[in-house]
Protein backbone atom coordinates (compact mmCIF):
# COMPACT_ATOMS: atom_id res chain seq x y z
CA MET A 1 102.72 89.90 128.18
CA SER A 2 104.69 92.38 126.02
CA GLY A 3 102.67 95.51 126.31
CA ILE A 4 102.49 96.05 122.76
CA GLU A 5 99.06 97.31 121.51
CA VAL A 6 97.77 97.09 117.83
CA THR A 7 94.77 99.30 117.27
CA LEU A 8 92.63 99.38 113.97
CA ASN A 9 92.33 103.06 113.26
CA ASN A 10 89.27 102.76 110.93
CA ALA A 11 87.54 99.87 112.58
CA ASP A 12 84.06 101.47 112.20
CA LEU A 13 84.46 101.60 108.48
CA TRP A 14 85.71 97.86 108.32
CA ASN A 15 82.66 96.85 110.45
CA LYS A 16 80.50 98.00 107.45
CA PHE A 17 82.11 95.21 105.69
CA ASN A 18 81.01 92.65 108.01
CA GLY A 19 78.70 90.22 105.99
CA PRO A 20 78.01 89.12 102.53
CA MET A 21 77.96 92.05 99.97
CA GLU A 22 77.36 92.44 96.33
CA MET A 23 79.91 94.29 94.17
CA ILE A 24 79.31 95.74 90.76
CA VAL A 25 82.52 96.91 88.86
CA THR A 26 81.78 99.98 87.00
CA ARG A 27 85.10 101.07 85.58
CA LYS A 28 87.67 98.93 83.57
CA ASN A 29 90.28 98.85 86.35
CA GLY A 30 87.54 98.11 89.04
CA ARG A 31 87.44 99.74 92.58
CA LYS A 32 88.82 98.72 95.82
CA MET A 33 86.95 95.93 97.38
CA PHE A 34 87.81 96.65 101.11
CA PRO A 35 89.06 99.82 102.90
CA THR A 36 92.70 100.63 103.46
CA LEU A 37 94.14 98.91 106.51
CA GLU A 38 95.07 101.81 109.03
CA TYR A 39 96.53 100.80 112.42
CA SER A 40 98.59 102.19 115.29
CA ILE A 41 101.06 100.30 117.19
CA GLN A 42 101.82 101.37 120.84
CA GLY A 43 104.46 100.07 123.57
CA LEU A 44 107.32 99.42 121.21
CA ASN A 45 110.85 100.25 122.41
CA PRO A 46 112.14 103.12 120.11
CA THR A 47 115.67 101.56 120.12
CA ALA A 48 114.59 98.15 119.06
CA MET A 49 113.93 96.69 115.43
CA TYR A 50 110.48 95.15 114.59
CA GLU A 51 108.87 93.12 111.80
CA VAL A 52 105.24 93.34 111.20
CA TYR A 53 103.29 90.64 109.52
CA LEU A 54 99.64 90.30 108.50
CA HIS A 55 97.97 87.01 108.51
CA MET A 56 94.50 86.57 107.16
CA GLU A 57 92.29 83.52 107.25
CA ARG A 58 89.04 82.83 105.65
CA MET A 59 86.20 83.01 108.24
CA ASP A 60 83.22 81.81 106.40
CA ASP A 61 82.32 79.92 103.37
CA HIS A 62 81.45 83.19 101.13
CA LYS A 63 83.23 83.15 98.06
CA THR A 64 84.00 86.13 95.64
CA VAL A 65 83.45 85.44 91.73
CA THR A 66 84.76 87.89 89.10
CA VAL A 67 83.07 87.61 85.70
CA SER A 68 84.81 89.27 82.79
CA LYS A 69 83.09 90.17 79.67
CA VAL A 70 85.07 90.79 76.80
CA ARG A 71 83.63 93.42 74.19
């Protein structure tokens, strides 16, 4: 075990997005669909170099569709 621990700082906010939702875009440039990813990493060697990657996978069959109306 490496002893490195990653913690999602705003997990309570992300848990609110667990499940299907409906989004209505009210502005021309839209809005953020999900909260910012904020995390803390503990247990790193301060003299070492690290790379951090984020891998996301679809976990369900829900699809998001964007409908654009030209005026």
